[in-house]
Amino acid sequence: TYGAGGLLDYPHYTRPAEFMGVSIPEALSG
């Protein structure tokens, strides 16, 4: 899951799952 393979890193999120009306991507919550 974590391999960057020479690319830039993907975005990261932490708790809470919703902040100022913006939720984490659905793929990360399932």
mmCIF file of all heavy atoms, coordinates in Angstrom:
data_MODEL
# 
_entry.id   MODEL 
# 
loop_
_atom_site.group_PDB 
_atom_site.id 
_atom_site.type_symbol 
_atom_site.label_atom_id 
_atom_site.label_alt_id 
_atom_site.label_comp_id 
_atom_site.label_asym_id 
_atom_site.label_entity_id 
_atom_site.label_seq_id 
_atom_site.pdbx_PDB_ins_code 
_atom_site.Cartn_x 
_atom_site.Cartn_y 
_atom_site.Cartn_z 
_atom_site.occupancy 
_atom_site.B_iso_or_equiv 
_atom_site.pdbx_formal_charge 
_atom_site.auth_seq_id 
_atom_site.auth_comp_id 
_atom_site.auth_asym_id 
_atom_site.auth_atom_id 
_atom_site.pdbx_PDB_model_num 
ATOM 1   N N   . THR A 1 1  ? 0.829   -1.203 0.000   1.00 0.00 ? 1  THR A N   1 
ATOM 2   C CA  . THR A 1 1  ? 0.000   0.000  0.000   1.00 0.00 ? 1  THR A CA  1 
ATOM 3   C C   . THR A 1 1  ? 0.866   1.256  0.000   1.00 0.00 ? 1  THR A C   1 
ATOM 4   O O   . THR A 1 1  ? 0.512   2.272  -0.559  1.00 0.00 ? 1  THR A O   1 
ATOM 5   C CB  . THR A 1 1  ? -0.899  0.024  1.256   1.00 0.00 ? 1  THR A CB  1 
ATOM 6   O OG1 . THR A 1 1  ? -1.803  -1.063 1.184   1.00 0.00 ? 1  THR A OG1 1 
ATOM 7   C CG2 . THR A 1 1  ? -1.693  1.310  1.345   1.00 0.00 ? 1  THR A CG2 1 
ATOM 8   N N   . TYR A 1 2  ? 2.041   1.186  0.645   1.00 0.00 ? 2  TYR A N   1 
ATOM 9   C CA  . TYR A 1 2  ? 2.808   2.392  0.887   1.00 0.00 ? 2  TYR A CA  1 
ATOM 10  C C   . TYR A 1 2  ? 3.877   2.682  -0.164  1.00 0.00 ? 2  TYR A C   1 
ATOM 11  O O   . TYR A 1 2  ? 4.503   3.720  -0.124  1.00 0.00 ? 2  TYR A O   1 
ATOM 12  C CB  . TYR A 1 2  ? 3.512   2.281  2.250   1.00 0.00 ? 2  TYR A CB  1 
ATOM 13  C CG  . TYR A 1 2  ? 2.560   2.133  3.398   1.00 0.00 ? 2  TYR A CG  1 
ATOM 14  C CD1 . TYR A 1 2  ? 2.245   0.865  3.891   1.00 0.00 ? 2  TYR A CD1 1 
ATOM 15  C CD2 . TYR A 1 2  ? 1.977   3.233  3.993   1.00 0.00 ? 2  TYR A CD2 1 
ATOM 16  C CE1 . TYR A 1 2  ? 1.370   0.720  4.958   1.00 0.00 ? 2  TYR A CE1 1 
ATOM 17  C CE2 . TYR A 1 2  ? 1.104   3.084  5.060   1.00 0.00 ? 2  TYR A CE2 1 
ATOM 18  C CZ  . TYR A 1 2  ? 0.807   1.831  5.531   1.00 0.00 ? 2  TYR A CZ  1 
ATOM 19  O OH  . TYR A 1 2  ? -0.056  1.693  6.585   1.00 0.00 ? 2  TYR A OH  1 
ATOM 20  N N   . GLY A 1 3  ? 4.111   1.746  -1.096  1.00 0.00 ? 3  GLY A N   1 
ATOM 21  C CA  . GLY A 1 3  ? 5.207   1.932  -2.029  1.00 0.00 ? 3  GLY A CA  1 
ATOM 22  C C   . GLY A 1 3  ? 5.026   3.146  -2.915  1.00 0.00 ? 3  GLY A C   1 
ATOM 23  O O   . GLY A 1 3  ? 4.040   3.252  -3.632  1.00 0.00 ? 3  GLY A O   1 
ATOM 24  N N   . ALA A 1 4  ? 5.982   4.070  -2.902  1.00 0.00 ? 4  ALA A N   1 
ATOM 25  C CA  . ALA A 1 4  ? 5.892   5.270  -3.728  1.00 0.00 ? 4  ALA A CA  1 
ATOM 26  C C   . ALA A 1 4  ? 6.396   5.001  -5.137  1.00 0.00 ? 4  ALA A C   1 
ATOM 27  O O   . ALA A 1 4  ? 5.959   5.622  -6.088  1.00 0.00 ? 4  ALA A O   1 
ATOM 28  C CB  . ALA A 1 4  ? 6.690   6.415  -3.087  1.00 0.00 ? 4  ALA A CB  1 
ATOM 29  N N   . GLY A 1 5  ? 7.362   4.083  -5.262  1.00 0.00 ? 5  GLY A N   1 
ATOM 30  C CA  . GLY A 1 5  ? 7.860   3.724  -6.578  1.00 0.00 ? 5  GLY A CA  1 
ATOM 31  C C   . GLY A 1 5  ? 8.448   4.886  -7.345  1.00 0.00 ? 5  GLY A C   1 
ATOM 32  O O   . GLY A 1 5  ? 8.393   4.924  -8.570  1.00 0.00 ? 5  GLY A O   1 
ATOM 33  N N   . GLY A 1 6  ? 9.047   5.862  -6.665  1.00 0.00 ? 6  GLY A N   1 
ATOM 34  C CA  . GLY A 1 6  ? 9.651   7.002  -7.331  1.00 0.00 ? 6  GLY A CA  1 
ATOM 35  C C   . GLY A 1 6  ? 8.703   8.162  -7.574  1.00 0.00 ? 6  GLY A C   1 
ATOM 36  O O   . GLY A 1 6  ? 9.114   9.207  -8.069  1.00 0.00 ? 6  GLY A O   1 
ATOM 37  N N   . LEU A 1 7  ? 7.420   7.982  -7.252  1.00 0.00 ? 7  LEU A N   1 
ATOM 38  C CA  . LEU A 1 7  ? 6.444   9.062  -7.397  1.00 0.00 ? 7  LEU A CA  1 
ATOM 39  C C   . LEU A 1 7  ? 6.451   9.946  -6.151  1.00 0.00 ? 7  LEU A C   1 
ATOM 40  O O   . LEU A 1 7  ? 7.070   9.619  -5.142  1.00 0.00 ? 7  LEU A O   1 
ATOM 41  C CB  . LEU A 1 7  ? 5.037   8.481  -7.574  1.00 0.00 ? 7  LEU A CB  1 
ATOM 42  C CG  . LEU A 1 7  ? 4.789   7.559  -8.770  1.00 0.00 ? 7  LEU A CG  1 
ATOM 43  C CD1 . LEU A 1 7  ? 3.392   6.961  -8.678  1.00 0.00 ? 7  LEU A CD1 1 
ATOM 44  C CD2 . LEU A 1 7  ? 4.958   8.316  -10.067 1.00 0.00 ? 7  LEU A CD2 1 
ATOM 45  N N   . LEU A 1 8  ? 5.740   11.063 -6.234  1.00 0.00 ? 8  LEU A N   1 
ATOM 46  C CA  . LEU A 1 8  ? 5.474   11.835 -5.030  1.00 0.00 ? 8  LEU A CA  1 
ATOM 47  C C   . LEU A 1 8  ? 4.521   11.041 -4.146  1.00 0.00 ? 8  LEU A C   1 
ATOM 48  O O   . LEU A 1 8  ? 3.764   10.186 -4.622  1.00 0.00 ? 8  LEU A O   1 
ATOM 49  C CB  . LEU A 1 8  ? 4.844   13.187 -5.378  1.00 0.00 ? 8  LEU A CB  1 
ATOM 50  C CG  . LEU A 1 8  ? 5.681   14.130 -6.232  1.00 0.00 ? 8  LEU A CG  1 
ATOM 51  C CD1 . LEU A 1 8  ? 4.967   15.456 -6.396  1.00 0.00 ? 8  LEU A CD1 1 
ATOM 52  C CD2 . LEU A 1 8  ? 7.070   14.343 -5.647  1.00 0.00 ? 8  LEU A CD2 1 
ATOM 53  N N   . ASP A 1 9  ? 4.553   11.314 -2.871  1.00 0.00 ? 9  ASP A N   1 
ATOM 54  C CA  . ASP A 1 9  ? 3.705   10.596 -1.929  1.00 0.00 ? 9  ASP A CA  1 
ATOM 55  C C   . ASP A 1 9  ? 2.245   10.968 -2.149  1.00 0.00 ? 9  ASP A C   1 
ATOM 56  O O   . ASP A 1 9  ? 1.922   12.054 -2.624  1.00 0.00 ? 9  ASP A O   1 
ATOM 57  C CB  . ASP A 1 9  ? 4.117   10.948 -0.500  1.00 0.00 ? 9  ASP A CB  1 
ATOM 58  C CG  . ASP A 1 9  ? 3.694   9.898  0.511   1.00 0.00 ? 9  ASP A CG  1 
ATOM 59  O OD1 . ASP A 1 9  ? 3.126   8.872  0.100   1.00 0.00 ? 9  ASP A OD1 1 
ATOM 60  O OD2 . ASP A 1 9  ? 3.931   10.132 1.712   1.00 0.00 ? 9  ASP A OD2 1 
ATOM 61  N N   . TYR A 1 10 ? 1.369   10.041 -1.770  1.00 0.00 ? 10 TYR A N   1 
ATOM 62  C CA  . TYR A 1 10 ? -0.068  10.301 -1.848  1.00 0.00 ? 10 TYR A CA  1 
ATOM 63  C C   . TYR A 1 10 ? -0.501  11.174 -0.660  1.00 0.00 ? 10 TYR A C   1 
ATOM 64  O O   . TYR A 1 10 ? 0.213   11.303 0.325   1.00 0.00 ? 10 TYR A O   1 
ATOM 65  C CB  . TYR A 1 10 ? -0.842  8.974  -1.835  1.00 0.00 ? 10 TYR A CB  1 
ATOM 66  C CG  . TYR A 1 10 ? -0.389  8.023  -0.746  1.00 0.00 ? 10 TYR A CG  1 
ATOM 67  C CD1 . TYR A 1 10 ? -0.764  8.210  0.575   1.00 0.00 ? 10 TYR A CD1 1 
ATOM 68  C CD2 . TYR A 1 10 ? 0.447   6.952  -1.044  1.00 0.00 ? 10 TYR A CD2 1 
ATOM 69  C CE1 . TYR A 1 10 ? -0.339  7.367  1.578   1.00 0.00 ? 10 TYR A CE1 1 
ATOM 70  C CE2 . TYR A 1 10 ? 0.883   6.089  -0.039  1.00 0.00 ? 10 TYR A CE2 1 
ATOM 71  C CZ  . TYR A 1 10 ? 0.487   6.297  1.261   1.00 0.00 ? 10 TYR A CZ  1 
ATOM 72  O OH  . TYR A 1 10 ? 0.923   5.462  2.248   1.00 0.00 ? 10 TYR A OH  1 
ATOM 73  N N   . PRO A 1 11 ? -1.710  11.776 -0.710  1.00 0.00 ? 11 PRO A N   1 
ATOM 74  C CA  . PRO A 1 11 ? -2.192  12.590 0.413   1.00 0.00 ? 11 PRO A CA  1 
ATOM 75  C C   . PRO A 1 11 ? -2.451  11.741 1.655   1.00 0.00 ? 11 PRO A C   1 
ATOM 76  O O   . PRO A 1 11 ? -2.794  10.560 1.548   1.00 0.00 ? 11 PRO A O   1 
ATOM 77  C CB  . PRO A 1 11 ? -3.512  13.177 -0.116  1.00 0.00 ? 11 PRO A CB  1 
ATOM 78  C CG  . PRO A 1 11 ? -3.424  13.073 -1.595  1.00 0.00 ? 11 PRO A CG  1 
ATOM 79  C CD  . PRO A 1 11 ? -2.608  11.847 -1.865  1.00 0.00 ? 11 PRO A CD  1 
ATOM 80  N N   . HIS A 1 12 ? -2.299  12.350 2.809   1.00 0.00 ? 12 HIS A N   1 
ATOM 81  C CA  . HIS A 1 12 ? -2.525  11.667 4.081   1.00 0.00 ? 12 HIS A CA  1 
ATOM 82  C C   . HIS A 1 12 ? -3.634  12.367 4.864   1.00 0.00 ? 12 HIS A C   1 
ATOM 83  O O   . HIS A 1 12 ? -3.789  13.588 4.778   1.00 0.00 ? 12 HIS A O   1 
ATOM 84  C CB  . HIS A 1 12 ? -1.245  11.650 4.919   1.00 0.00 ? 12 HIS A CB  1 
ATOM 85  C CG  . HIS A 1 12 ? -0.141  10.858 4.298   1.00 0.00 ? 12 HIS A CG  1 
ATOM 86  N ND1 . HIS A 1 12 ? 0.066   9.532  4.574   1.00 0.00 ? 12 HIS A ND1 1 
ATOM 87  C CD2 . HIS A 1 12 ? 0.813   11.213 3.397   1.00 0.00 ? 12 HIS A CD2 1 
ATOM 88  C CE1 . HIS A 1 12 ? 1.108   9.101  3.879   1.00 0.00 ? 12 HIS A CE1 1 
ATOM 89  N NE2 . HIS A 1 12 ? 1.575   10.099 3.148   1.00 0.00 ? 12 HIS A NE2 1 
ATOM 90  N N   . TYR A 1 13 ? -4.383  11.581 5.629   1.00 0.00 ? 13 TYR A N   1 
ATOM 91  C CA  . TYR A 1 13 ? -5.464  12.116 6.463   1.00 0.00 ? 13 TYR A CA  1 
ATOM 92  C C   . TYR A 1 13 ? -5.384  11.481 7.846   1.00 0.00 ? 13 TYR A C   1 
ATOM 93  O O   . TYR A 1 13 ? -4.898  10.362 8.002   1.00 0.00 ? 13 TYR A O   1 
ATOM 94  C CB  . TYR A 1 13 ? -6.831  11.793 5.849   1.00 0.00 ? 13 TYR A CB  1 
ATOM 95  C CG  . TYR A 1 13 ? -7.055  12.396 4.486   1.00 0.00 ? 13 TYR A CG  1 
ATOM 96  C CD1 . TYR A 1 13 ? -6.617  11.746 3.339   1.00 0.00 ? 13 TYR A CD1 1 
ATOM 97  C CD2 . TYR A 1 13 ? -7.712  13.621 4.349   1.00 0.00 ? 13 TYR A CD2 1 
ATOM 98  C CE1 . TYR A 1 13 ? -6.827  12.294 2.079   1.00 0.00 ? 13 TYR A CE1 1 
ATOM 99  C CE2 . TYR A 1 13 ? -7.927  14.173 3.089   1.00 0.00 ? 13 TYR A CE2 1 
ATOM 100 C CZ  . TYR A 1 13 ? -7.483  13.504 1.962   1.00 0.00 ? 13 TYR A CZ  1 
ATOM 101 O OH  . TYR A 1 13 ? -7.680  14.048 0.715   1.00 0.00 ? 13 TYR A OH  1 
ATOM 102 N N   . THR A 1 14 ? -5.865  12.188 8.845   1.00 0.00 ? 14 THR A N   1 
ATOM 103 C CA  . THR A 1 14 ? -5.952  11.626 10.188  1.00 0.00 ? 14 THR A CA  1 
ATOM 104 C C   . THR A 1 14 ? -7.273  12.069 10.816  1.00 0.00 ? 14 THR A C   1 
ATOM 105 O O   . THR A 1 14 ? -8.079  12.761 10.189  1.00 0.00 ? 14 THR A O   1 
ATOM 106 C CB  . THR A 1 14 ? -4.749  12.061 11.055  1.00 0.00 ? 14 THR A CB  1 
ATOM 107 O OG1 . THR A 1 14 ? -4.785  11.332 12.282  1.00 0.00 ? 14 THR A OG1 1 
ATOM 108 C CG2 . THR A 1 14 ? -4.774  13.550 11.350  1.00 0.00 ? 14 THR A CG2 1 
ATOM 109 N N   . ARG A 1 15 ? -7.525  11.681 12.028  1.00 0.00 ? 15 ARG A N   1 
ATOM 110 C CA  . ARG A 1 15 ? -8.779  11.978 12.703  1.00 0.00 ? 15 ARG A CA  1 
ATOM 111 C C   . ARG A 1 15 ? -8.879  13.458 13.077  1.00 0.00 ? 15 ARG A C   1 
ATOM 112 O O   . ARG A 1 15 ? -7.854  14.076 13.340  1.00 0.00 ? 15 ARG A O   1 
ATOM 113 C CB  . ARG A 1 15 ? -8.913  11.080 13.936  1.00 0.00 ? 15 ARG A CB  1 
ATOM 114 C CG  . ARG A 1 15 ? -9.097  9.614  13.552  1.00 0.00 ? 15 ARG A CG  1 
ATOM 115 C CD  . ARG A 1 15 ? -8.795  8.672  14.709  1.00 0.00 ? 15 ARG A CD  1 
ATOM 116 N NE  . ARG A 1 15 ? -8.957  7.289  14.303  1.00 0.00 ? 15 ARG A NE  1 
ATOM 117 C CZ  . ARG A 1 15 ? -8.071  6.614  13.567  1.00 0.00 ? 15 ARG A CZ  1 
ATOM 118 N NH1 . ARG A 1 15 ? -6.961  7.215  13.166  1.00 0.00 ? 15 ARG A NH1 1 
ATOM 119 N NH2 . ARG A 1 15 ? -8.302  5.356  13.221  1.00 0.00 ? 15 ARG A NH2 1 
ATOM 120 N N   . PRO A 1 16 ? -10.083 14.036 13.023  1.00 0.00 ? 16 PRO A N   1 
ATOM 121 C CA  . PRO A 1 16 ? -11.394 13.404 12.802  1.00 0.00 ? 16 PRO A CA  1 
ATOM 122 C C   . PRO A 1 16 ? -11.647 13.107 11.327  1.00 0.00 ? 16 PRO A C   1 
ATOM 123 O O   . PRO A 1 16 ? -11.012 13.697 10.450  1.00 0.00 ? 16 PRO A O   1 
ATOM 124 C CB  . PRO A 1 16 ? -12.383 14.448 13.316  1.00 0.00 ? 16 PRO A CB  1 
ATOM 125 C CG  . PRO A 1 16 ? -11.685 15.741 13.063  1.00 0.00 ? 16 PRO A CG  1 
ATOM 126 C CD  . PRO A 1 16 ? -10.225 15.477 13.316  1.00 0.00 ? 16 PRO A CD  1 
ATOM 127 N N   . ALA A 1 17 ? -12.596 12.224 11.067  1.00 0.00 ? 17 ALA A N   1 
ATOM 128 C CA  . ALA A 1 17 ? -12.914 11.844 9.699   1.00 0.00 ? 17 ALA A CA  1 
ATOM 129 C C   . ALA A 1 17 ? -13.557 12.991 8.922   1.00 0.00 ? 17 ALA A C   1 
ATOM 130 O O   . ALA A 1 17 ? -13.530 12.990 7.693   1.00 0.00 ? 17 ALA A O   1 
ATOM 131 C CB  . ALA A 1 17 ? -13.835 10.624 9.692   1.00 0.00 ? 17 ALA A CB  1 
ATOM 132 N N   . GLU A 1 18 ? -14.122 13.966 9.627   1.00 0.00 ? 18 GLU A N   1 
ATOM 133 C CA  . GLU A 1 18 ? -14.683 15.148 8.967   1.00 0.00 ? 18 GLU A CA  1 
ATOM 134 C C   . GLU A 1 18 ? -14.158 16.388 9.661   1.00 0.00 ? 18 GLU A C   1 
ATOM 135 O O   . GLU A 1 18 ? -14.144 16.467 10.895  1.00 0.00 ? 18 GLU A O   1 
ATOM 136 C CB  . GLU A 1 18 ? -16.206 15.125 9.019   1.00 0.00 ? 18 GLU A CB  1 
ATOM 137 C CG  . GLU A 1 18 ? -16.843 16.322 8.305   1.00 0.00 ? 18 GLU A CG  1 
ATOM 138 C CD  . GLU A 1 18 ? -18.352 16.256 8.283   1.00 0.00 ? 18 GLU A CD  1 
ATOM 139 O OE1 . GLU A 1 18 ? -18.895 15.143 8.102   1.00 0.00 ? 18 GLU A OE1 1 
ATOM 140 O OE2 . GLU A 1 18 ? -18.990 17.314 8.462   1.00 0.00 ? 18 GLU A OE2 1 
ATOM 141 N N   . PHE A 1 19 ? -13.691 17.348 8.864   1.00 0.00 ? 19 PHE A N   1 
ATOM 142 C CA  . PHE A 1 19 ? -13.144 18.582 9.427   1.00 0.00 ? 19 PHE A CA  1 
ATOM 143 C C   . PHE A 1 19 ? -13.639 19.756 8.586   1.00 0.00 ? 19 PHE A C   1 
ATOM 144 O O   . PHE A 1 19 ? -13.428 19.804 7.372   1.00 0.00 ? 19 PHE A O   1 
ATOM 145 C CB  . PHE A 1 19 ? -11.613 18.540 9.422   1.00 0.00 ? 19 PHE A CB  1 
ATOM 146 C CG  . PHE A 1 19 ? -10.971 19.813 9.894   1.00 0.00 ? 19 PHE A CG  1 
ATOM 147 C CD1 . PHE A 1 19 ? -11.046 20.203 11.224  1.00 0.00 ? 19 PHE A CD1 1 
ATOM 148 C CD2 . PHE A 1 19 ? -10.285 20.637 9.002   1.00 0.00 ? 19 PHE A CD2 1 
ATOM 149 C CE1 . PHE A 1 19 ? -10.457 21.379 11.652  1.00 0.00 ? 19 PHE A CE1 1 
ATOM 150 C CE2 . PHE A 1 19 ? -9.694  21.811 9.424   1.00 0.00 ? 19 PHE A CE2 1 
ATOM 151 C CZ  . PHE A 1 19 ? -9.783  22.182 10.755  1.00 0.00 ? 19 PHE A CZ  1 
ATOM 152 N N   . MET A 1 20 ? -14.347 20.664 9.248   1.00 0.00 ? 20 MET A N   1 
ATOM 153 C CA  . MET A 1 20 ? -14.899 21.857 8.604   1.00 0.00 ? 20 MET A CA  1 
ATOM 154 C C   . MET A 1 20 ? -15.708 21.490 7.361   1.00 0.00 ? 20 MET A C   1 
ATOM 155 O O   . MET A 1 20 ? -15.629 22.148 6.312   1.00 0.00 ? 20 MET A O   1 
ATOM 156 C CB  . MET A 1 20 ? -13.785 22.843 8.247   1.00 0.00 ? 20 MET A CB  1 
ATOM 157 C CG  . MET A 1 20 ? -13.071 23.406 9.475   1.00 0.00 ? 20 MET A CG  1 
ATOM 158 S SD  . MET A 1 20 ? -11.810 24.640 9.076   1.00 0.00 ? 20 MET A SD  1 
ATOM 159 C CE  . MET A 1 20 ? -12.849 25.967 8.446   1.00 0.00 ? 20 MET A CE  1 
ATOM 160 N N   . GLY A 1 21 ? -16.474 20.426 7.484   1.00 0.00 ? 21 GLY A N   1 
ATOM 161 C CA  . GLY A 1 21 ? -17.352 20.018 6.399   1.00 0.00 ? 21 GLY A CA  1 
ATOM 162 C C   . GLY A 1 21 ? -16.694 19.184 5.323   1.00 0.00 ? 21 GLY A C   1 
ATOM 163 O O   . GLY A 1 21 ? -17.348 18.787 4.359   1.00 0.00 ? 21 GLY A O   1 
ATOM 164 N N   . VAL A 1 22 ? -15.398 18.907 5.451   1.00 0.00 ? 22 VAL A N   1 
ATOM 165 C CA  . VAL A 1 22 ? -14.678 18.117 4.453   1.00 0.00 ? 22 VAL A CA  1 
ATOM 166 C C   . VAL A 1 22 ? -14.375 16.746 5.043   1.00 0.00 ? 22 VAL A C   1 
ATOM 167 O O   . VAL A 1 22 ? -13.706 16.634 6.085   1.00 0.00 ? 22 VAL A O   1 
ATOM 168 C CB  . VAL A 1 22 ? -13.363 18.802 4.026   1.00 0.00 ? 22 VAL A CB  1 
ATOM 169 C CG1 . VAL A 1 22 ? -12.639 17.962 2.984   1.00 0.00 ? 22 VAL A CG1 1 
ATOM 170 C CG2 . VAL A 1 22 ? -13.644 20.201 3.494   1.00 0.00 ? 22 VAL A CG2 1 
ATOM 171 N N   . SER A 1 23 ? -14.868 15.693 4.393   1.00 0.00 ? 23 SER A N   1 
ATOM 172 C CA  . SER A 1 23 ? -14.667 14.326 4.870   1.00 0.00 ? 23 SER A CA  1 
ATOM 173 C C   . SER A 1 23 ? -13.467 13.681 4.204   1.00 0.00 ? 23 SER A C   1 
ATOM 174 O O   . SER A 1 23 ? -13.027 14.096 3.116   1.00 0.00 ? 23 SER A O   1 
ATOM 175 C CB  . SER A 1 23 ? -15.917 13.481 4.575   1.00 0.00 ? 23 SER A CB  1 
ATOM 176 O OG  . SER A 1 23 ? -17.049 14.003 5.227   1.00 0.00 ? 23 SER A OG  1 
ATOM 177 N N   . ILE A 1 24 ? -12.934 12.647 4.836   1.00 0.00 ? 24 ILE A N   1 
ATOM 178 C CA  . ILE A 1 24 ? -11.847 11.891 4.232   1.00 0.00 ? 24 ILE A CA  1 
ATOM 179 C C   . ILE A 1 24 ? -12.386 11.126 3.019   1.00 0.00 ? 24 ILE A C   1 
ATOM 180 O O   . ILE A 1 24 ? -13.593 10.858 2.933   1.00 0.00 ? 24 ILE A O   1 
ATOM 181 C CB  . ILE A 1 24 ? -11.209 10.913 5.232   1.00 0.00 ? 24 ILE A CB  1 
ATOM 182 C CG1 . ILE A 1 24 ? -12.214 9.830  5.649   1.00 0.00 ? 24 ILE A CG1 1 
ATOM 183 C CG2 . ILE A 1 24 ? -10.663 11.646 6.443   1.00 0.00 ? 24 ILE A CG2 1 
ATOM 184 C CD1 . ILE A 1 24 ? -11.597 8.706  6.446   1.00 0.00 ? 24 ILE A CD1 1 
ATOM 185 N N   . PRO A 1 25 ? -11.544 10.769 2.063   1.00 0.00 ? 25 PRO A N   1 
ATOM 186 C CA  . PRO A 1 25 ? -11.998 9.993  0.912   1.00 0.00 ? 25 PRO A CA  1 
ATOM 187 C C   . PRO A 1 25 ? -12.638 8.674  1.343   1.00 0.00 ? 25 PRO A C   1 
ATOM 188 O O   . PRO A 1 25 ? -12.177 8.026  2.287   1.00 0.00 ? 25 PRO A O   1 
ATOM 189 C CB  . PRO A 1 25 ? -10.713 9.747  0.114   1.00 0.00 ? 25 PRO A CB  1 
ATOM 190 C CG  . PRO A 1 25 ? -9.832  10.885 0.494   1.00 0.00 ? 25 PRO A CG  1 
ATOM 191 C CD  . PRO A 1 25 ? -10.123 11.159 1.934   1.00 0.00 ? 25 PRO A CD  1 
ATOM 192 N N   . GLU A 1 26 ? -13.689 8.299  0.653   1.00 0.00 ? 26 GLU A N   1 
ATOM 193 C CA  . GLU A 1 26 ? -14.438 7.097  1.010   1.00 0.00 ? 26 GLU A CA  1 
ATOM 194 C C   . GLU A 1 26 ? -13.574 5.853  0.996   1.00 0.00 ? 26 GLU A C   1 
ATOM 195 O O   . GLU A 1 26 ? -13.749 4.949  1.825   1.00 0.00 ? 26 GLU A O   1 
ATOM 196 C CB  . GLU A 1 26 ? -15.618 6.933  0.041   1.00 0.00 ? 26 GLU A CB  1 
ATOM 197 C CG  . GLU A 1 26 ? -16.538 5.775  0.367   1.00 0.00 ? 26 GLU A CG  1 
ATOM 198 C CD  . GLU A 1 26 ? -17.710 5.677  -0.576  1.00 0.00 ? 26 GLU A CD  1 
ATOM 199 O OE1 . GLU A 1 26 ? -17.915 6.628  -1.371  1.00 0.00 ? 26 GLU A OE1 1 
ATOM 200 O OE2 . GLU A 1 26 ? -18.412 4.657  -0.542  1.00 0.00 ? 26 GLU A OE2 1 
ATOM 201 N N   . ALA A 1 27 ? -12.622 5.774  0.085   1.00 0.00 ? 27 ALA A N   1 
ATOM 202 C CA  . ALA A 1 27 ? -11.781 4.587  -0.037  1.00 0.00 ? 27 ALA A CA  1 
ATOM 203 C C   . ALA A 1 27 ? -10.992 4.298  1.234   1.00 0.00 ? 27 ALA A C   1 
ATOM 204 O O   . ALA A 1 27 ? -10.644 3.149  1.519   1.00 0.00 ? 27 ALA A O   1 
ATOM 205 C CB  . ALA A 1 27 ? -10.821 4.736  -1.216  1.00 0.00 ? 27 ALA A CB  1 
ATOM 206 N N   . LEU A 1 28 ? -10.700 5.341  2.022   1.00 0.00 ? 28 LEU A N   1 
ATOM 207 C CA  . LEU A 1 28 ? -9.881  5.161  3.214   1.00 0.00 ? 28 LEU A CA  1 
ATOM 208 C C   . LEU A 1 28 ? -10.686 4.751  4.434   1.00 0.00 ? 28 LEU A C   1 
ATOM 209 O O   . LEU A 1 28 ? -10.109 4.394  5.460   1.00 0.00 ? 28 LEU A O   1 
ATOM 210 C CB  . LEU A 1 28 ? -9.133  6.462  3.528   1.00 0.00 ? 28 LEU A CB  1 
ATOM 211 C CG  . LEU A 1 28 ? -8.190  6.987  2.448   1.00 0.00 ? 28 LEU A CG  1 
ATOM 212 C CD1 . LEU A 1 28 ? -7.499  8.255  2.926   1.00 0.00 ? 28 LEU A CD1 1 
ATOM 213 C CD2 . LEU A 1 28 ? -7.163  5.934  2.049   1.00 0.00 ? 28 LEU A CD2 1 
ATOM 214 N N   . SER A 1 29 ? -11.991 4.788  4.334   1.00 0.00 ? 29 SER A N   1 
ATOM 215 C CA  . SER A 1 29 ? -12.822 4.528  5.506   1.00 0.00 ? 29 SER A CA  1 
ATOM 216 C C   . SER A 1 29 ? -13.414 3.121  5.538   1.00 0.00 ? 29 SER A C   1 
ATOM 217 O O   . SER A 1 29 ? -13.981 2.712  6.549   1.00 0.00 ? 29 SER A O   1 
ATOM 218 C CB  . SER A 1 29 ? -13.963 5.557  5.578   1.00 0.00 ? 29 SER A CB  1 
ATOM 219 O OG  . SER A 1 29 ? -14.799 5.449  4.431   1.00 0.00 ? 29 SER A OG  1 
ATOM 220 N N   . GLY A 1 30 ? -13.262 2.371  4.450   1.00 0.00 ? 30 GLY A N   1 
ATOM 221 C CA  . GLY A 1 30 ? -13.936 1.077  4.377   1.00 0.00 ? 30 GLY A CA  1 
ATOM 222 C C   . GLY A 1 30 ? -13.128 -0.110 4.840   1.00 0.00 ? 30 GLY A C   1 
ATOM 223 O O   . GLY A 1 30 ? -13.679 -1.190 5.049   1.00 0.00 ? 30 GLY A O   1 
# 
